């Protein structure tokens, strides 16, 4: 499996380095690869490893790691992140956590998926958030169950009617805090994990269409403007493709804290610090 993620210097220092180390410490580097799409804000178009990634620059020691400057990606003649940053800047004002000028930051993983689909010729790849950790070695065949003969595997929460919230107590235990009815701000897809099968017609079209919600400014027609919501819009538009919703087995009641990665087949080897690391990153950017 090829895993991809996105990092800035700040995110790398906060959690991304831990992700890379967990990939190695669980021995996943023997059978799998990790592509890191980085944004070096001090020198956006650098052809070299930024200083904060130099410890991984020895390709003989780390042949399973690939570092790619996401800012250099061009689409239809534009450096596409700069282009979208510019056109969104004056069109989004804050009125919700999922609708703010920071929306452009959520464009980075969308571009990474498109970039990956251009450089990976065939087979599966999986997009994961930088605040994930590998917890065990991944069996080589598990993705036949997770992605299989589907175009896309995802964590769709639209069937949840009840949300169980959670938080950490003073002893570091993650506990159930309260239960509330689900709203439309709870039931978008969790894009901390998305799996793709590039061997099936339509998968690359899905990835491109998701990106074009941003490049065409169609994202502004959506109530919420994140990568989760453009993903869901693309999935509904391209409904004839084959999808595996890994949350279907969970029924109508969410896991505590909506920890859908841990409650799915992915939970045997991956955890997502949703609700702790994520908000801290948001607040510090």
Protein backbone atom coordinates (compact mmCIF):
# COMPACT_ATOMS: atom_id res chain seq x y z
CA UNK A 1 0.00 0.00 0.00
CA UNK A 2 1.09 3.55 -0.71
CA UNK A 3 -0.05 5.93 2.04
CA UNK A 4 -0.05 9.68 1.40
CA UNK A 5 -0.28 12.61 3.81
CA UNK A 6 0.30 16.37 3.85
CA UNK A 7 2.55 18.41 6.14
CA UNK A 8 3.67 21.92 6.92
CA UNK A 9 6.58 22.58 9.28
CA UNK A 10 4.20 23.28 12.14
CA UNK A 11 2.13 20.17 11.56
CA UNK A 12 5.28 18.10 11.16
CA UNK A 13 6.57 19.28 14.53
CA UNK A 14 3.20 18.81 16.19
CA UNK A 15 2.29 15.36 14.91
CA UNK A 16 3.71 14.52 11.47
CA UNK A 17 7.07 13.32 12.77
CA UNK A 18 5.20 10.99 15.12
CA UNK A 19 3.25 9.62 12.15
CA UNK A 20 6.44 8.84 10.23
CA UNK A 21 8.08 7.26 13.26
CA UNK A 22 5.00 5.14 13.94
CA UNK A 23 5.12 3.90 10.34
CA UNK A 24 8.68 2.72 10.94
CA UNK A 25 8.31 1.50 14.52
CA UNK A 26 5.41 -0.79 13.58
CA UNK A 27 7.53 -2.30 10.79
CA UNK A 28 5.13 -1.10 8.11
CA UNK A 29 8.06 0.30 6.15
CA UNK A 30 9.01 -3.27 5.18
CA UNK A 31 5.89 -3.77 3.05
CA UNK A 32 4.38 -0.33 2.45
CA UNK A 33 5.37 3.17 1.35
CA UNK A 34 4.62 6.64 2.68
CA UNK A 35 4.44 9.67 0.38
CA UNK A 36 4.69 13.00 2.22
CA UNK A 37 3.40 16.04 0.32
CA UNK A 38 4.97 18.97 2.10
CA UNK A 39 4.45 22.73 2.07
CA UNK A 40 7.54 24.70 3.04
CA UNK A 41 6.13 28.13 3.80
CA UNK A 42 9.58 29.77 4.06
CA UNK A 43 10.53 28.69 0.52
CA UNK A 44 7.34 27.50 -1.21
CA UNK A 45 8.87 26.21 -4.46
CA UNK A 46 12.07 24.68 -3.16
CA UNK A 47 13.55 21.77 -5.11
CA UNK A 48 15.27 20.51 -1.97
CA UNK A 49 14.34 19.01 1.36
CA UNK A 50 13.44 21.81 3.77
CA UNK A 51 15.61 21.94 6.88
CA UNK A 52 12.86 20.46 9.03
CA UNK A 53 12.78 17.31 6.87
CA UNK A 54 16.54 16.85 6.40
CA UNK A 55 16.68 13.98 8.89
CA UNK A 56 14.84 11.85 6.29
CA UNK A 57 16.89 12.91 3.27
CA UNK A 58 19.07 9.79 3.05
CA UNK A 59 17.14 7.82 0.43
CA UNK A 60 19.24 4.71 0.99
CA UNK A 61 18.26 4.62 4.65
CA UNK A 62 14.64 5.61 4.00
CA UNK A 63 13.74 4.23 0.55
CA UNK A 64 10.14 3.75 1.70
CA UNK A 65 9.64 7.52 2.18
CA UNK A 66 8.97 9.88 -0.71
CA UNK A 67 8.84 13.65 -0.15
CA UNK A 68 7.10 15.84 -2.73
CA UNK A 69 6.66 19.62 -2.70
CA UNK A 70 2.92 20.01 -3.13
CA UNK A 71 3.20 23.72 -3.95
CA UNK A 72 4.80 22.98 -7.32
CA UNK A 73 1.81 20.99 -8.63
CA UNK A 74 0.36 22.53 -11.78
CA UNK A 75 -3.11 22.01 -13.20
CA UNK A 76 -4.30 23.58 -16.44
CA UNK A 77 -1.32 25.93 -16.48
CA UNK A 78 -1.66 27.17 -12.89
CA UNK A 79 0.23 26.42 -9.73
CA UNK A 80 -3.04 25.25 -8.40
CA UNK A 81 -2.68 25.87 -4.66
CA UNK A 82 -1.63 29.48 -5.22
CA UNK A 83 -4.48 29.87 -7.70
CA UNK A 84 -7.16 28.54 -5.35
CA UNK A 85 -5.74 30.41 -2.35
CA UNK A 86 -6.05 33.63 -4.31
CA UNK A 87 -9.54 33.13 -5.69
CA UNK A 88 -10.97 31.86 -2.40
CA UNK A 89 -9.37 34.52 -0.23
CA UNK A 90 -11.94 37.23 -0.89
CA UNK A 91 -14.90 34.88 -1.25
CA UNK A 92 -15.04 33.17 2.13
CA UNK A 93 -15.68 34.95 5.41
CA UNK A 94 -16.02 33.14 8.70
CA UNK A 95 -19.50 32.07 9.76
CA UNK A 96 -18.81 28.48 10.86
CA UNK A 97 -15.87 26.23 11.72
CA UNK A 98 -16.43 24.54 8.35
CA UNK A 99 -16.80 27.80 6.46
CA UNK A 100 -13.91 30.17 6.99
CA UNK A 101 -10.86 31.65 5.25
CA UNK A 102 -9.00 28.60 6.51
CA UNK A 103 -10.98 26.50 4.01
CA UNK A 104 -8.10 26.90 1.58
CA UNK A 105 -5.91 24.86 3.96
CA UNK A 106 -8.25 21.92 3.44
CA UNK A 107 -7.47 22.12 -0.28
CA UNK A 108 -3.99 20.71 0.31
CA UNK A 109 -5.05 17.07 0.84
CA UNK A 110 -7.36 17.34 -2.19
CA UNK A 111 -4.36 18.35 -4.32
CA UNK A 112 -2.22 15.62 -2.76
CA UNK A 113 -4.74 13.00 -3.85
CA UNK A 114 -4.73 14.40 -7.38
CA UNK A 115 -0.92 14.58 -7.45
CA UNK A 116 -0.71 11.00 -6.17
CA UNK A 117 -3.12 9.76 -8.84
CA UNK A 118 -0.82 11.30 -11.46
CA UNK A 119 2.37 9.64 -10.20
CA UNK A 120 0.99 6.26 -9.07
CA UNK A 121 0.36 4.14 -12.13
CA UNK A 122 -1.93 1.46 -10.71
CA UNK A 123 -3.22 -0.32 -7.65
CA UNK A 124 -4.39 1.03 -4.32
CA UNK A 125 -3.37 4.13 -2.43
CA UNK A 126 -4.67 5.58 0.83
CA UNK A 127 -4.83 9.17 2.03
CA UNK A 128 -4.41 9.67 5.80
CA UNK A 129 -4.33 12.75 8.00
CA UNK A 130 -1.07 13.79 9.61
CA UNK A 131 -2.60 13.34 13.08
CA UNK A 132 -2.96 9.60 12.54
CA UNK A 133 -0.62 6.99 14.00
CA UNK A 134 0.17 3.46 12.91
CA UNK A 135 -0.38 1.09 15.83
CA UNK A 136 0.51 -2.31 14.35
CA UNK A 137 1.89 -3.96 11.25
CA UNK A 138 -0.62 -4.09 8.41
CA UNK A 139 -1.35 -7.46 6.79
CA UNK A 140 -0.68 -7.27 3.07
CA UNK A 141 -4.16 -8.48 2.11
CA UNK A 142 -6.32 -6.38 4.43
CA UNK A 143 -7.00 -3.77 1.78
CA UNK A 144 -8.76 -6.39 -0.31
CA UNK A 145 -11.47 -6.13 2.36
CA UNK A 146 -11.21 -2.37 2.87
CA UNK A 147 -11.02 -1.18 -0.75
CA UNK A 148 -11.44 -4.37 -2.76
CA UNK A 149 -13.16 -3.93 -6.12
CA UNK A 150 -14.55 -0.52 -5.20
CA UNK A 151 -13.42 2.79 -6.64
CA UNK A 152 -13.31 4.41 -3.21
CA UNK A 153 -13.38 3.31 0.44
CA UNK A 154 -14.43 6.00 2.89
CA UNK A 155 -15.80 6.73 6.36
CA UNK A 156 -19.25 8.15 5.67
CA UNK A 157 -21.25 9.32 8.68
CA UNK A 158 -24.48 10.27 6.91
CA UNK A 159 -26.38 7.36 8.51
CA UNK A 160 -25.61 8.43 12.06
CA UNK A 161 -28.73 9.69 13.82
CA UNK A 162 -27.10 9.98 17.25
CA UNK A 163 -23.67 11.39 18.08
CA UNK A 164 -21.79 10.29 21.18
CA UNK A 165 -19.23 12.91 22.13
CA UNK A 166 -16.07 12.17 24.06
CA UNK A 167 -13.10 13.79 25.78
CA UNK A 168 -10.07 12.91 27.89
CA UNK A 169 -10.34 12.77 31.66
CA UNK A 170 -7.55 13.87 34.01
CA UNK A 171 -6.05 10.38 33.89
CA UNK A 172 -5.76 10.42 30.11
CA UNK A 173 -8.64 8.06 29.48
CA UNK A 174 -10.93 8.84 26.55
CA UNK A 175 -14.49 8.78 27.90
CA UNK A 176 -18.07 9.33 26.79
CA UNK A 177 -19.22 12.84 27.79
CA UNK A 178 -22.68 13.35 26.25
CA UNK A 179 -25.11 12.13 23.61
CA UNK A 180 -26.93 14.42 21.17
CA UNK A 181 -28.99 14.10 17.99
CA UNK A 182 -26.85 14.29 14.86
CA UNK A 183 -26.98 17.47 12.76
CA UNK A 184 -25.72 18.25 9.27
CA UNK A 185 -22.46 19.54 10.79
CA UNK A 186 -21.80 16.06 12.25
CA UNK A 187 -22.57 13.74 9.37
CA UNK A 188 -20.02 14.61 6.70
CA UNK A 189 -17.43 12.02 5.69
CA UNK A 190 -14.36 11.70 7.91
CA UNK A 191 -11.55 12.28 5.41
CA UNK A 192 -8.84 11.24 7.85
CA UNK A 193 -8.78 8.09 5.73
CA UNK A 194 -9.78 7.61 2.09
CA UNK A 195 -8.75 4.62 0.00
CA UNK A 196 -8.64 4.51 -3.80
CA UNK A 197 -8.41 1.74 -6.39
CA UNK A 198 -6.68 3.13 -9.48
CA UNK A 199 -7.27 -0.08 -11.42
CA UNK A 200 -10.98 0.69 -11.86
CA UNK A 201 -12.35 3.13 -14.43
CA UNK A 202 -13.74 6.26 -12.84
CA UNK A 203 -11.43 6.52 -9.82
CA UNK A 204 -9.12 9.12 -11.33
CA UNK A 205 -12.19 11.00 -12.62
CA UNK A 206 -13.53 11.09 -9.05
CA UNK A 207 -10.26 12.54 -7.73
CA UNK A 208 -10.17 15.18 -10.47
CA UNK A 209 -13.83 16.15 -9.97
CA UNK A 210 -13.26 16.58 -6.25
CA UNK A 211 -10.42 19.01 -7.00
CA UNK A 212 -12.48 20.89 -9.57
CA UNK A 213 -15.06 21.79 -6.94
CA UNK A 214 -12.31 24.07 -5.67
CA UNK A 215 -10.72 25.26 -8.90
CA UNK A 216 -14.13 26.20 -10.38
CA UNK A 217 -15.33 27.84 -7.12
CA UNK A 218 -18.31 25.45 -7.06
CA UNK A 219 -17.34 24.92 -3.44
CA UNK A 220 -18.97 28.29 -2.74
CA UNK A 221 -22.36 26.74 -3.59
CA UNK A 222 -22.00 24.30 -0.69
CA UNK A 223 -23.23 25.12 2.82
CA UNK A 224 -19.91 23.99 4.32
CA UNK A 225 -16.58 24.37 2.55
CA UNK A 226 -14.05 21.71 3.50
CA UNK A 227 -12.43 18.73 1.81
CA UNK A 228 -15.01 16.55 3.57
CA UNK A 229 -17.89 18.39 1.93
CA UNK A 230 -16.45 18.50 -1.58
CA UNK A 231 -15.74 14.77 -1.23
CA UNK A 232 -19.38 14.12 -0.33
CA UNK A 233 -20.63 16.33 -3.14
CA UNK A 234 -18.44 14.45 -5.62
CA UNK A 235 -19.61 11.09 -4.32
CA UNK A 236 -23.27 12.04 -4.69
CA UNK A 237 -22.67 13.43 -8.16
CA UNK A 238 -20.74 10.33 -9.26
CA UNK A 239 -23.11 7.89 -7.65
CA UNK A 240 -22.61 5.17 -10.26
CA UNK A 241 -19.09 4.44 -9.07
CA UNK A 242 -18.53 1.68 -6.53
CA UNK A 243 -18.03 2.75 -2.91
CA UNK A 244 -17.33 0.97 0.35
CA UNK A 245 -18.58 2.95 3.32
CA UNK A 246 -16.61 1.56 6.24
CA UNK A 247 -19.11 3.09 8.69
CA UNK A 248 -22.11 1.10 7.44
CA UNK A 249 -21.56 -1.64 10.01
CA UNK A 250 -21.74 0.95 12.83
CA UNK A 251 -25.46 1.58 12.40
CA UNK A 252 -27.12 4.85 13.45
CA UNK A 253 -25.16 5.59 16.65
CA UNK A 254 -21.68 7.04 16.31
CA UNK A 255 -18.63 5.70 18.10
CA UNK A 256 -17.57 7.80 21.09
CA UNK A 257 -16.06 11.02 19.78
CA UNK A 258 -16.96 9.82 16.29
CA UNK A 259 -13.80 7.72 16.32
CA UNK A 260 -14.76 6.04 13.12
CA UNK A 261 -11.25 4.99 12.07
CA UNK A 262 -10.76 3.05 15.30
CA UNK A 263 -14.21 1.44 15.02
CA UNK A 264 -13.70 0.27 11.43
CA UNK A 265 -11.46 -2.38 9.88
CA UNK A 266 -8.76 0.32 9.89
CA UNK A 267 -8.70 0.24 13.68
CA UNK A 268 -6.52 -2.85 13.70
CA UNK A 269 -3.55 -0.76 12.60
CA UNK A 270 -4.45 2.95 12.61
CA UNK A 271 -5.65 5.49 15.15
CA UNK A 272 -6.69 9.10 14.59
CA UNK A 273 -6.25 11.72 17.30
CA UNK A 274 -9.46 13.41 16.25
CA UNK A 275 -10.73 15.83 18.88
CA UNK A 276 -7.32 16.45 20.44
CA UNK A 277 -4.48 17.03 17.99
CA UNK A 278 -6.72 18.27 15.19
CA UNK A 279 -8.26 21.26 17.01
CA UNK A 280 -4.86 22.25 18.40
CA UNK A 281 -3.48 22.42 14.87
CA UNK A 282 -6.47 24.46 13.72
CA UNK A 283 -6.08 26.93 16.55
CA UNK A 284 -2.35 27.34 16.02
CA UNK A 285 -2.45 28.02 12.29
